[in-house]
Structures are given as structure tokens and as C-alpha cells.
PDB file of N, CA and C in Angstrom:
ATOM      1  N   MET A   1       0.838  -1.174   0.025  1.00  0.00           N
ATOM      2  CA  MET A   1      -0.061   0.065  -0.031  1.00  0.00           C
ATOM      3  C   MET A   1       0.951   1.282  -0.215  1.00  0.00           C
ATOM      4  N   SER A   2       1.784   1.401   0.876  1.00  0.00           N
ATOM      5  CA  SER A   2       2.763   2.438   0.956  1.00  0.00           C
ATOM      6  C   SER A   2       3.539   2.601  -0.358  1.00  0.00           C
ATOM      7  N   GLU A   3       3.792   1.578  -1.020  1.00  0.00           N
ATOM      8  CA  GLU A   3       4.570   1.662  -2.412  1.00  0.00           C
ATOM      9  C   GLU A   3       3.781   2.530  -3.478  1.00  0.00           C
ATOM     10  N   ARG A   4       2.406   2.104  -3.506  1.00  0.00           N
ATOM     11  CA  ARG A   4       1.549   2.859  -4.429  1.00  0.00           C
ATOM     12  C   ARG A   4       1.458   4.332  -4.146  1.00  0.00           C
ATOM     13  N   GLU A   5       1.515   4.614  -2.802  1.00  0.00           N
ATOM     14  CA  GLU A   5       1.272   5.920  -2.370  1.00  0.00           C
ATOM     15  C   GLU A   5       2.610   6.761  -2.647  1.00  0.00           C
ATOM     16  N   ILE A   6       3.631   5.977  -2.524  1.00  0.00           N
ATOM     17  CA  ILE A   6       5.004   6.875  -2.839  1.00  0.00           C
ATOM     18  C   ILE A   6       4.924   6.958  -4.456  1.00  0.00           C
ATOM     19  N   VAL A   7       4.625   6.098  -5.303  1.00  0.00           N
ATOM     20  CA  VAL A   7       4.462   6.276  -6.606  1.00  0.00           C
ATOM     21  C   VAL A   7       3.569   7.344  -6.983  1.00  0.00           C
ATOM     22  N   ARG A   8       2.383   7.738  -6.298  1.00  0.00           N
ATOM     23  CA  ARG A   8       1.532   8.641  -6.445  1.00  0.00           C
ATOM     24  C   ARG A   8       2.182  10.003  -6.168  1.00  0.00           C
ATOM     25  N   LEU A   9       2.885   9.944  -4.919  1.00  0.00           N
ATOM     26  CA  LEU A   9       3.550  11.249  -4.399  1.00  0.00           C
ATOM     27  C   LEU A   9       4.500  11.677  -5.475  1.00  0.00           C
ATOM     28  N   ALA A  10       5.294  10.732  -6.100  1.00  0.00           N
ATOM     29  CA  ALA A  10       6.360  11.098  -7.148  1.00  0.00           C
ATOM     30  C   ALA A  10       5.663  11.700  -8.318  1.00  0.00           C
ATOM     31  N   CYS A  11       4.536  11.170  -8.693  1.00  0.00           N
ATOM     32  CA  CYS A  11       3.797  11.840  -9.857  1.00  0.00           C
ATOM     33  C   CYS A  11       3.200  13.211  -9.567  1.00  0.00           C
ATOM     34  N   ARG A  12       2.932  13.279  -8.541  1.00  0.00           N
ATOM     35  CA  ARG A  12       2.395  14.722  -7.933  1.00  0.00           C
ATOM     36  C   ARG A  12       3.317  15.638  -7.896  1.00  0.00           C
ATOM     37  N   LEU A  13       4.535  15.355  -7.460  1.00  0.00           N
ATOM     38  CA  LEU A  13       5.692  16.292  -7.220  1.00  0.00           C
ATOM     39  C   LEU A  13       6.277  16.635  -8.486  1.00  0.00           C
ATOM     40  N   ALA A  14       6.281  15.766  -9.479  1.00  0.00           N
ATOM     41  CA  ALA A  14       7.083  15.891 -10.751  1.00  0.00           C
ATOM     42  C   ALA A  14       8.437  16.182 -10.618  1.00  0.00           C
ATOM     43  N   ARG A  15       9.145  15.725  -9.724  1.00  0.00           N
ATOM     44  CA  ARG A  15      10.452  15.762  -9.528  1.00  0.00           C
ATOM     45  C   ARG A  15      11.063  14.633  -8.718  1.00  0.00           C
ATOM     46  N   PRO A  16      12.443  14.221  -8.735  1.00  0.00           N
ATOM     47  CA  PRO A  16      13.034  13.173  -8.050  1.00  0.00           C
ATOM     48  C   PRO A  16      12.609  13.198  -6.461  1.00  0.00           C
ATOM     49  N   LEU A  17      12.077  12.120  -5.926  1.00  0.00           N
ATOM     50  CA  LEU A  17      11.716  12.163  -4.375  1.00  0.00           C
ATOM     51  C   LEU A  17      12.963  12.027  -3.639  1.00  0.00           C
ATOM     52  N   ARG A  18      12.870  12.737  -2.463  1.00  0.00           N
ATOM     53  CA  ARG A  18      13.872  12.573  -1.339  1.00  0.00           C
ATOM     54  C   ARG A  18      13.306  11.797  -0.256  1.00  0.00           C
ATOM     55  N   PRO A  19      13.988  11.119   0.500  1.00  0.00           N
ATOM     56  CA  PRO A  19      13.369  10.180   1.675  1.00  0.00           C
ATOM     57  C   PRO A  19      12.568  11.242   2.496  1.00  0.00           C
ATOM     58  N   ILE A  20      12.958  12.338   2.695  1.00  0.00           N
ATOM     59  CA  ILE A  20      12.423  13.297   3.629  1.00  0.00           C
ATOM     60  C   ILE A  20      11.003  13.667   3.167  1.00  0.00           C
ATOM     61  N   ASP A  21      10.670  13.644   1.745  1.00  0.00           N
ATOM     62  CA  ASP A  21       9.437  13.802   1.172  1.00  0.00           C
ATOM     63  C   ASP A  21       8.526  12.715   1.621  1.00  0.00           C
ATOM     64  N   VAL A  22       8.976  11.517   1.532  1.00  0.00           N
ATOM     65  CA  VAL A  22       8.100  10.391   1.838  1.00  0.00           C
ATOM     66  C   VAL A  22       7.870  10.401   3.271  1.00  0.00           C
ATOM     67  N   VAL A  23       8.769  10.649   4.168  1.00  0.00           N
ATOM     68  CA  VAL A  23       8.743  10.708   5.632  1.00  0.00           C
ATOM     69  C   VAL A  23       7.550  11.850   6.180  1.00  0.00           C
ATOM     70  N   THR A  24       7.495  12.946   5.436  1.00  0.00           N
ATOM     71  CA  THR A  24       6.464  13.931   5.707  1.00  0.00           C
ATOM     72  C   THR A  24       5.145  13.584   5.300  1.00  0.00           C
ATOM     73  N   HIS A  25       5.163  12.866   3.915  1.00  0.00           N
ATOM     74  CA  HIS A  25       3.794  12.621   3.416  1.00  0.00           C
ATOM     75  C   HIS A  25       3.233  11.474   4.057  1.00  0.00           C
ATOM     76  N   LEU A  26       3.964  10.530   4.313  1.00  0.00           N
ATOM     77  CA  LEU A  26       3.320   9.205   5.024  1.00  0.00           C
ATOM     78  C   LEU A  26       3.369   9.297   6.390  1.00  0.00           C
ATOM     79  N   GLY A  27       4.238  10.025   7.047  1.00  0.00           N
ATOM     80  CA  GLY A  27       4.441  10.038   8.523  1.00  0.00           C
ATOM     81  C   GLY A  27       5.196   8.797   9.092  1.00  0.00           C
ATOM     82  N   ILE A  28       6.163   8.384   8.222  1.00  0.00           N
ATOM     83  CA  ILE A  28       6.912   7.052   8.667  1.00  0.00           C
ATOM     84  C   ILE A  28       8.161   7.375   9.109  1.00  0.00           C
ATOM     85  N   ASN A  29       8.905   6.399   9.561  1.00  0.00           N
ATOM     86  CA  ASN A  29      10.257   6.541  10.208  1.00  0.00           C
ATOM     87  C   ASN A  29      11.090   6.775   8.809  1.00  0.00           C
ATOM     88  N   HIS A  30      12.186   7.565   9.049  1.00  0.00           N
ATOM     89  CA  HIS A  30      13.127   7.768   7.813  1.00  0.00           C
ATOM     90  C   HIS A  30      13.718   6.442   7.338  1.00  0.00           C
ATOM     91  N   ARG A  31      14.076   5.554   8.317  1.00  0.00           N
ATOM     92  CA  ARG A  31      14.732   4.126   7.785  1.00  0.00           C
ATOM     93  C   ARG A  31      13.735   3.381   7.161  1.00  0.00           C
ATOM     94  N   THR A  32      12.492   3.583   7.459  1.00  0.00           N
ATOM     95  CA  THR A  32      11.354   2.746   6.663  1.00  0.00           C
ATOM     96  C   THR A  32      11.235   3.289   5.266  1.00  0.00           C
ATOM     97  N   ALA A  33      11.340   4.695   5.225  1.00  0.00           N
ATOM     98  CA  ALA A  33      11.073   5.324   3.927  1.00  0.00           C
ATOM     99  C   ALA A  33      12.090   4.917   2.956  1.00  0.00           C
ATOM    100  N   VAL A  34      13.395   5.025   3.468  1.00  0.00           N
ATOM    101  CA  VAL A  34      14.707   4.540   2.704  1.00  0.00           C
ATOM    102  C   VAL A  34      14.422   3.119   2.366  1.00  0.00           C
ATOM    103  N   ARG A  35      14.114   2.368   3.172  1.00  0.00           N
ATOM    104  CA  ARG A  35      13.997   0.873   2.778  1.00  0.00           C
ATOM    105  C   ARG A  35      12.945   0.476   1.830  1.00  0.00           C
ATOM    106  N   THR A  36      11.746   1.370   1.841  1.00  0.00           N
ATOM    107  CA  THR A  36      10.753   1.205   0.900  1.00  0.00           C
ATOM    108  C   THR A  36      11.249   1.643  -0.398  1.00  0.00           C
ATOM    109  N   LEU A  37      11.873   2.769  -0.457  1.00  0.00           N
ATOM    110  CA  LEU A  37      12.434   3.444  -1.783  1.00  0.00           C
ATOM    111  C   LEU A  37      13.457   2.393  -2.310  1.00  0.00           C
ATOM    112  N   GLN A  38      14.319   1.874  -1.595  1.00  0.00           N
ATOM    113  CA  GLN A  38      15.351   0.933  -2.167  1.00  0.00           C
ATOM    114  C   GLN A  38      14.628  -0.343  -2.685  1.00  0.00           C
ATOM    115  N   SER A  39      13.332  -0.786  -2.002  1.00  0.00           N
ATOM    116  CA  SER A  39      12.697  -1.891  -2.569  1.00  0.00           C
ATOM    117  C   SER A  39      12.107  -1.615  -3.927  1.00  0.00           C
ATOM    118  N   LEU A  40      11.511  -0.327  -3.927  1.00  0.00           N
ATOM    119  CA  LEU A  40      11.114   0.180  -5.248  1.00  0.00           C
ATOM    120  C   LEU A  40      12.165   0.212  -6.415  1.00  0.00           C
ATOM    121  N   CYS A  41      13.364   0.410  -5.943  1.00  0.00           N
ATOM    122  CA  CYS A  41      14.554   0.444  -6.937  1.00  0.00           C
ATOM    123  C   CYS A  41      14.671  -1.020  -7.412  1.00  0.00           C
ATOM    124  N   THR A  42      14.687  -1.878  -6.485  1.00  0.00           N
ATOM    125  CA  THR A  42      14.955  -3.289  -7.097  1.00  0.00           C
ATOM    126  C   THR A  42      13.896  -3.742  -8.029  1.00  0.00           C
ATOM    127  N   LYS A  43      12.660  -3.211  -7.797  1.00  0.00           N
ATOM    128  CA  LYS A  43      11.613  -3.650  -8.542  1.00  0.00           C
ATOM    129  C   LYS A  43      11.728  -2.958  -9.892  1.00  0.00           C
ATOM    130  N   GLY A  44      12.391  -1.997  -9.981  1.00  0.00           N
ATOM    131  CA  GLY A  44      12.357  -1.217 -11.310  1.00  0.00           C
ATOM    132  C   GLY A  44      11.680   0.036 -11.482  1.00  0.00           C
ATOM    133  N   TRP A  45      10.780   0.470 -10.275  1.00  0.00           N
ATOM    134  CA  TRP A  45       9.915   1.465 -10.434  1.00  0.00           C
ATOM    135  C   TRP A  45      10.754   2.777 -10.235  1.00  0.00           C
ATOM    136  N   PHE A  46      11.904   2.821  -9.536  1.00  0.00           N
ATOM    137  CA  PHE A  46      12.390   4.155  -9.194  1.00  0.00           C
ATOM    138  C   PHE A  46      14.069   3.754  -9.582  1.00  0.00           C
ATOM    139  N   SER A  47      14.737   4.849  -9.865  1.00  0.00           N
ATOM    140  CA  SER A  47      16.146   4.715 -10.021  1.00  0.00           C
ATOM    141  C   SER A  47      16.839   5.586  -9.085  1.00  0.00           C
ATOM    142  N   ALA A  48      17.855   5.236  -8.237  1.00  0.00           N
ATOM    143  CA  ALA A  48      18.617   6.014  -7.350  1.00  0.00           C
ATOM    144  C   ALA A  48      19.489   6.982  -8.056  1.00  0.00           C
ATOM    145  N   VAL A  49      19.555   8.340  -7.448  1.00  0.00           N
ATOM    146  CA  VAL A  49      20.347   9.347  -7.970  1.00  0.00           C
ATOM    147  C   VAL A  49      21.294   9.764  -6.868  1.00  0.00           C
ATOM    148  N   THR A  50      22.577   9.642  -7.165  1.00  0.00           N
ATOM    149  CA  THR A  50      23.586   9.883  -6.140  1.00  0.00           C
ATOM    150  C   THR A  50      23.817  11.443  -5.970  1.00  0.00           C
ATOM    151  N   GLY A  51      24.493  11.911  -4.970  1.00  0.00           N
ATOM    152  CA  GLY A  51      24.820  13.317  -4.814  1.00  0.00           C
ATOM    153  C   GLY A  51      26.089  13.851  -5.692  1.00  0.00           C
ATOM    154  N   ALA A  52      26.410  14.921  -5.416  1.00  0.00           N
ATOM    155  CA  ALA A  52      27.409  15.569  -6.118  1.00  0.00           C
ATOM    156  C   ALA A  52      28.749  14.820  -6.022  1.00  0.00           C
ATOM    157  N   VAL A  53      29.091  14.236  -4.926  1.00  0.00           N
ATOM    158  CA  VAL A  53      30.383  13.446  -4.806  1.00  0.00           C
ATOM    159  C   VAL A  53      30.179  12.012  -5.235  1.00  0.00           C
ATOM    160  N   GLY A  54      28.906  11.635  -5.481  1.00  0.00           N
ATOM    161  CA  GLY A  54      28.673  10.293  -5.921  1.00  0.00           C
ATOM    162  C   GLY A  54      28.692   9.081  -5.055  1.00  0.00           C
ATOM    163  N   LYS A  55      28.750   9.561  -3.747  1.00  0.00           N
ATOM    164  CA  LYS A  55      28.854   8.490  -2.655  1.00  0.00           C
ATOM    165  C   LYS A  55      27.620   8.032  -2.153  1.00  0.00           C
ATOM    166  N   ASN A  56      26.783   9.041  -1.753  1.00  0.00           N
ATOM    167  CA  ASN A  56      25.502   8.665  -1.245  1.00  0.00           C
ATOM    168  C   ASN A  56      24.325   8.671  -2.182  1.00  0.00           C
ATOM    169  N   ILE A  57      23.481   8.082  -2.119  1.00  0.00           N
ATOM    170  CA  ILE A  57      22.038   8.165  -2.713  1.00  0.00           C
ATOM    171  C   ILE A  57      21.211   9.285  -2.061  1.00  0.00           C
ATOM    172  N   VAL A  58      20.890  10.270  -2.836  1.00  0.00           N
ATOM    173  CA  VAL A  58      20.022  11.501  -2.204  1.00  0.00           C
ATOM    174  C   VAL A  58      18.668  11.636  -2.849  1.00  0.00           C
ATOM    175  N   ARG A  59      18.449  11.182  -3.849  1.00  0.00           N
ATOM    176  CA  ARG A  59      17.193  11.226  -4.664  1.00  0.00           C
ATOM    177  C   ARG A  59      16.787   9.857  -5.418  1.00  0.00           C
ATOM    178  N   TYR A  60      15.347   9.814  -5.542  1.00  0.00           N
ATOM    179  CA  TYR A  60      14.965   8.490  -6.115  1.00  0.00           C
ATOM    180  C   TYR A  60      14.151   9.049  -7.344  1.00  0.00           C
ATOM    181  N   GLU A  61      14.400   8.651  -8.472  1.00  0.00           N
ATOM    182  CA  GLU A  61      13.727   9.160  -9.714  1.00  0.00           C
ATOM    183  C   GLU A  61      12.750   8.055 -10.223  1.00  0.00           C
ATOM    184  N   LEU A  62      11.409   8.631 -10.446  1.00  0.00           N
ATOM    185  CA  LEU A  62      10.391   7.596 -10.802  1.00  0.00           C
ATOM    186  C   LEU A  62      10.584   7.136 -12.398  1.00  0.00           C
ATOM    187  N   GLN A  63      10.626   5.922 -12.701  1.00  0.00           N
ATOM    188  CA  GLN A  63      10.692   5.485 -14.039  1.00  0.00           C
ATOM    189  C   GLN A  63       9.337   5.577 -14.781  1.00  0.00           C
ATOM    190  N   ARG A  64       9.310   5.705 -16.050  1.00  0.00           N
ATOM    191  CA  ARG A  64       7.981   5.930 -16.837  1.00  0.00           C
ATOM    192  C   ARG A  64       7.242   4.675 -16.708  1.00  0.00           C
ATOM    193  N   SER A  65       7.715   3.526 -16.584  1.00  0.00           N
ATOM    194  CA  SER A  65       7.156   2.239 -16.617  1.00  0.00           C
ATOM    195  C   SER A  65       6.253   2.078 -15.332  1.00  0.00           C
ATOM    196  N   ALA A  66       6.568   2.640 -14.247  1.00  0.00           N
ATOM    197  CA  ALA A  66       6.042   2.716 -13.022  1.00  0.00           C
ATOM    198  C   ALA A  66       4.827   3.435 -12.973  1.00  0.00           C
ATOM    199  N   VAL A  67       4.610   4.417 -13.644  1.00  0.00           N
ATOM    200  CA  VAL A  67       3.313   5.016 -13.855  1.00  0.00           C
ATOM    201  C   VAL A  67       2.146   4.349 -14.236  1.00  0.00           C
ATOM    202  N   GLN A  68       2.491   3.418 -15.247  1.00  0.00           N
ATOM    203  CA  GLN A  68       1.433   2.507 -15.961  1.00  0.00           C
ATOM    204  C   GLN A  68       0.818   1.605 -14.782  1.00  0.00           C
ATOM    205  N   LEU A  69       1.618   1.215 -13.889  1.00  0.00           N
ATOM    206  CA  LEU A  69       1.142   0.304 -12.708  1.00  0.00           C
ATOM    207  C   LEU A  69       0.288   0.863 -11.853  1.00  0.00           C
ATOM    208  N   LEU A  70      -0.067   2.139 -11.902  1.00  0.00           N
ATOM    209  CA  LEU A  70      -1.126   2.691 -10.892  1.00  0.00           C
ATOM    210  C   LEU A  70      -2.401   2.272 -11.549  1.00  0.00           C
TER     211      LEU A  70
END
């Protein structure tokens, strides 16, 4: 259920999601938000975007194929 809501949030914001966006929208723990976003990445719904240094994942970008799953 939260996975579909995260996809809806990404469509509504029309920009790459940050974990803090998911935390504030769903009211869940930061670790839970990151774990769910990582799960969506492994399913191919999102792709991870690293920061300027390329070390940490800071955003998650919605894939076009995931919109059709709604």
C-alpha cells in the first residue's frame, strides 16, 4: 500500500523524491522510507540518483514504466 502511495507522490511532485518527502507525506520513520524506496528500486519502479560526490544516494527518480502500474 505505501509503495503505491509513494509512486503517486512522485507523480504529484513531478521531481525526484527525497526520503524526507516520503517521511513527511506518509508520517513514517526515515529508515522505513529509505527501505521502501530501495525496494522500489529493485523492482525497477525508481532509480537511485547519487549526490554531487557520487557517494550517497540522495534522490529517487520515478521510471516511466511505474506510472502505468497505477
